[in-house]
N, C-alpha and C. Protein backbone atom coordinates (compact mmCIF):
# COMPACT_ATOMS: atom_id res chain seq x y z
N UNK A 1 0.84 -1.16 0.00
CA UNK A 1 0.00 0.00 0.00
C UNK A 1 0.90 1.24 0.00
N UNK A 2 0.52 2.25 -0.77
CA UNK A 2 1.28 3.49 -0.87
C UNK A 2 0.67 4.52 0.08
N UNK A 3 1.49 5.09 0.94
CA UNK A 3 1.04 6.12 1.87
C UNK A 3 1.64 7.46 1.47
N UNK A 4 0.83 8.49 1.59
CA UNK A 4 1.29 9.86 1.32
C UNK A 4 0.82 10.71 2.49
N UNK A 5 1.77 11.39 3.12
CA UNK A 5 1.47 12.24 4.28
C UNK A 5 1.78 13.69 3.90
N UNK A 6 0.81 14.57 4.06
CA UNK A 6 0.99 16.00 3.80
C UNK A 6 1.07 16.70 5.15
N UNK A 7 2.15 17.44 5.37
CA UNK A 7 2.38 18.13 6.64
C UNK A 7 2.48 19.63 6.38
N UNK A 8 1.70 20.41 7.15
CA UNK A 8 1.71 21.86 7.04
C UNK A 8 1.72 22.48 8.42
N UNK A 9 2.23 23.70 8.51
CA UNK A 9 2.16 24.43 9.76
C UNK A 9 0.69 24.74 10.06
N UNK A 10 0.33 24.70 11.32
CA UNK A 10 -1.05 25.00 11.72
C UNK A 10 -1.34 26.48 11.46
N UNK A 11 -2.63 26.80 11.23
CA UNK A 11 -2.99 28.21 11.07
C UNK A 11 -2.55 29.01 12.30
N UNK A 12 -2.06 30.19 12.08
CA UNK A 12 -1.60 31.03 13.18
C UNK A 12 -0.11 30.89 13.47
N UNK A 13 0.52 29.83 12.97
CA UNK A 13 1.97 29.66 13.14
C UNK A 13 2.64 30.35 11.96
N UNK A 14 3.57 31.25 12.25
CA UNK A 14 4.25 32.01 11.21
C UNK A 14 5.02 31.06 10.29
N UNK A 15 4.73 31.15 8.99
CA UNK A 15 5.39 30.35 7.98
C UNK A 15 6.39 31.25 7.25
N UNK A 16 7.60 31.30 7.74
CA UNK A 16 8.64 32.18 7.19
C UNK A 16 8.94 31.81 5.74
N UNK A 17 9.03 30.53 5.46
CA UNK A 17 9.31 30.09 4.09
C UNK A 17 8.16 30.46 3.16
N UNK A 18 6.94 30.28 3.62
CA UNK A 18 5.77 30.67 2.82
C UNK A 18 5.77 32.16 2.53
N UNK A 19 6.11 32.97 3.53
CA UNK A 19 6.16 34.42 3.35
C UNK A 19 7.24 34.80 2.34
N UNK A 20 8.38 34.12 2.37
CA UNK A 20 9.46 34.40 1.41
C UNK A 20 9.00 34.06 -0.01
N UNK A 21 8.30 32.95 -0.17
CA UNK A 21 7.79 32.58 -1.50
C UNK A 21 6.76 33.61 -1.96
N UNK A 22 5.88 34.01 -1.06
CA UNK A 22 4.86 35.01 -1.40
C UNK A 22 5.52 36.31 -1.87
N UNK A 23 6.53 36.78 -1.13
CA UNK A 23 7.23 38.01 -1.51
C UNK A 23 7.92 37.86 -2.86
N UNK A 24 8.50 36.71 -3.11
CA UNK A 24 9.17 36.47 -4.40
C UNK A 24 8.15 36.47 -5.54
N UNK A 25 6.99 35.89 -5.32
CA UNK A 25 5.95 35.89 -6.35
C UNK A 25 5.47 37.32 -6.63
N UNK A 26 5.33 38.11 -5.57
CA UNK A 26 4.96 39.52 -5.76
C UNK A 26 6.03 40.24 -6.59
N UNK A 27 7.29 39.97 -6.27
CA UNK A 27 8.39 40.59 -7.00
C UNK A 27 8.44 40.20 -8.47
N UNK A 28 7.88 39.04 -8.79
CA UNK A 28 7.85 38.58 -10.18
C UNK A 28 6.57 38.99 -10.90
N UNK A 29 5.74 39.76 -10.21
CA UNK A 29 4.56 40.30 -10.88
C UNK A 29 3.24 39.67 -10.51
N UNK A 30 3.22 38.66 -9.67
CA UNK A 30 1.97 38.02 -9.26
C UNK A 30 1.50 38.64 -7.94
N UNK A 31 1.00 39.86 -8.02
CA UNK A 31 0.64 40.60 -6.81
C UNK A 31 -0.65 40.10 -6.17
N UNK A 32 -1.43 39.30 -6.85
CA UNK A 32 -2.68 38.79 -6.30
C UNK A 32 -2.53 37.57 -5.43
N UNK A 33 -1.32 37.09 -5.24
CA UNK A 33 -1.07 35.89 -4.43
C UNK A 33 -1.01 36.29 -2.96
N UNK A 34 -1.76 35.56 -2.12
CA UNK A 34 -1.77 35.84 -0.68
C UNK A 34 -1.82 34.54 0.11
N UNK A 35 -1.35 34.60 1.32
CA UNK A 35 -1.49 33.48 2.25
C UNK A 35 -0.73 32.22 1.86
N UNK A 36 0.47 32.38 1.30
CA UNK A 36 1.25 31.22 0.86
C UNK A 36 1.71 30.42 2.08
N UNK A 37 1.52 29.13 2.05
CA UNK A 37 1.98 28.22 3.09
C UNK A 37 2.82 27.14 2.41
N UNK A 38 3.96 26.84 2.96
CA UNK A 38 4.84 25.81 2.42
C UNK A 38 4.80 24.62 3.36
N UNK A 39 4.63 23.44 2.80
CA UNK A 39 4.59 22.22 3.60
C UNK A 39 5.53 21.18 3.03
N UNK A 40 5.31 19.95 3.45
CA UNK A 40 6.12 18.85 2.93
C UNK A 40 5.22 17.65 2.69
N UNK A 41 5.63 16.83 1.75
CA UNK A 41 4.92 15.59 1.45
C UNK A 41 5.90 14.45 1.64
N UNK A 42 5.47 13.44 2.35
CA UNK A 42 6.29 12.25 2.61
C UNK A 42 5.55 11.07 2.02
N UNK A 43 6.19 10.33 1.11
CA UNK A 43 5.57 9.16 0.47
C UNK A 43 6.39 7.92 0.78
N UNK A 44 5.68 6.82 1.01
CA UNK A 44 6.37 5.55 1.25
C UNK A 44 5.42 4.38 1.04
N UNK A 45 6.00 3.21 0.82
CA UNK A 45 5.23 1.98 0.71
C UNK A 45 5.11 1.37 2.09
N UNK A 46 3.96 0.75 2.35
CA UNK A 46 3.68 0.20 3.66
C UNK A 46 3.01 -1.15 3.50
N UNK A 47 3.52 -2.15 4.20
CA UNK A 47 2.88 -3.46 4.21
C UNK A 47 1.83 -3.46 5.31
N UNK A 48 0.58 -3.59 4.91
CA UNK A 48 -0.51 -3.60 5.89
C UNK A 48 -1.61 -4.53 5.40
N UNK A 49 -2.34 -5.10 6.34
CA UNK A 49 -3.38 -6.06 6.00
C UNK A 49 -4.62 -5.41 5.40
N UNK A 50 -4.94 -4.19 5.84
CA UNK A 50 -6.11 -3.49 5.29
C UNK A 50 -5.92 -1.99 5.44
N UNK A 51 -6.79 -1.22 4.80
CA UNK A 51 -6.65 0.23 4.79
C UNK A 51 -6.78 0.85 6.18
N UNK A 52 -7.69 0.33 6.99
CA UNK A 52 -7.88 0.89 8.34
C UNK A 52 -6.63 0.69 9.19
N UNK A 53 -6.03 -0.49 9.10
CA UNK A 53 -4.81 -0.76 9.86
C UNK A 53 -3.66 0.12 9.35
N UNK A 54 -3.58 0.28 8.03
CA UNK A 54 -2.53 1.12 7.45
C UNK A 54 -2.68 2.57 7.90
N UNK A 55 -3.90 3.07 7.87
CA UNK A 55 -4.12 4.46 8.27
C UNK A 55 -3.77 4.68 9.74
N UNK A 56 -4.15 3.74 10.58
CA UNK A 56 -3.82 3.85 12.00
C UNK A 56 -2.31 3.84 12.22
N UNK A 57 -1.62 2.99 11.47
CA UNK A 57 -0.16 2.90 11.61
C UNK A 57 0.51 4.19 11.14
N UNK A 58 0.05 4.72 10.01
CA UNK A 58 0.65 5.96 9.48
C UNK A 58 0.37 7.12 10.44
N UNK A 59 -0.82 7.18 11.03
CA UNK A 59 -1.11 8.24 12.00
C UNK A 59 -0.19 8.15 13.21
N UNK A 60 0.12 6.93 13.65
CA UNK A 60 1.08 6.77 14.75
C UNK A 60 2.45 7.31 14.35
N UNK A 61 2.85 7.03 13.10
CA UNK A 61 4.13 7.53 12.60
C UNK A 61 4.15 9.06 12.61
N UNK A 62 3.04 9.65 12.21
CA UNK A 62 2.94 11.11 12.19
C UNK A 62 3.05 11.68 13.59
N UNK A 63 2.34 11.08 14.52
CA UNK A 63 2.33 11.58 15.90
C UNK A 63 3.69 11.45 16.57
N UNK A 64 4.45 10.43 16.19
CA UNK A 64 5.74 10.18 16.85
C UNK A 64 6.94 10.78 16.12
N UNK A 65 6.85 10.95 14.77
CA UNK A 65 8.04 11.35 14.04
C UNK A 65 7.79 12.32 12.88
N UNK A 66 6.83 12.03 12.04
CA UNK A 66 6.71 12.74 10.77
C UNK A 66 6.20 14.17 10.89
N UNK A 67 5.46 14.47 11.94
CA UNK A 67 4.93 15.83 12.14
C UNK A 67 5.17 16.27 13.58
N UNK A 68 5.47 17.53 13.73
CA UNK A 68 5.55 18.12 15.07
C UNK A 68 4.15 18.63 15.37
N UNK A 69 3.36 17.83 16.04
CA UNK A 69 1.94 18.11 16.21
C UNK A 69 1.64 19.33 17.09
N UNK A 70 2.65 19.91 17.69
CA UNK A 70 2.45 21.15 18.44
C UNK A 70 2.20 22.29 17.46
N UNK A 71 2.95 22.31 16.36
CA UNK A 71 2.84 23.41 15.39
C UNK A 71 2.41 22.97 14.00
N UNK A 72 2.33 21.66 13.75
CA UNK A 72 1.99 21.17 12.42
C UNK A 72 0.74 20.29 12.46
N UNK A 73 0.02 20.31 11.34
CA UNK A 73 -1.08 19.37 11.15
C UNK A 73 -0.70 18.47 9.98
N UNK A 74 -1.40 17.36 9.84
CA UNK A 74 -1.08 16.44 8.75
C UNK A 74 -2.34 15.81 8.19
N UNK A 75 -2.22 15.32 6.97
CA UNK A 75 -3.30 14.62 6.29
C UNK A 75 -2.71 13.38 5.65
N UNK A 76 -3.39 12.25 5.80
CA UNK A 76 -2.90 10.96 5.30
C UNK A 76 -3.74 10.55 4.09
N UNK A 77 -3.06 10.10 3.04
CA UNK A 77 -3.72 9.50 1.87
C UNK A 77 -3.15 8.11 1.68
N UNK A 78 -4.01 7.15 1.37
CA UNK A 78 -3.57 5.80 1.08
C UNK A 78 -4.04 5.39 -0.30
N UNK A 79 -3.19 4.69 -1.03
CA UNK A 79 -3.56 4.21 -2.38
C UNK A 79 -3.11 2.77 -2.54
């Protein structure tokens, strides 16, 4: 099973990298761009018996390692 985890800073947490990208886009002429947030995507293969078990396992991975849940949120996709 293929797992994809999307990790982003929670709303209200200053995204310095997102702000830098936003400013660069403005400098290149895209002045209508606002609220840029930069995140990360982590993809991996996972051996699991069923989708529910896989999702539970990936969520444990997120809580322990893949996301800093104090300042980040995450979303899991399985295929």
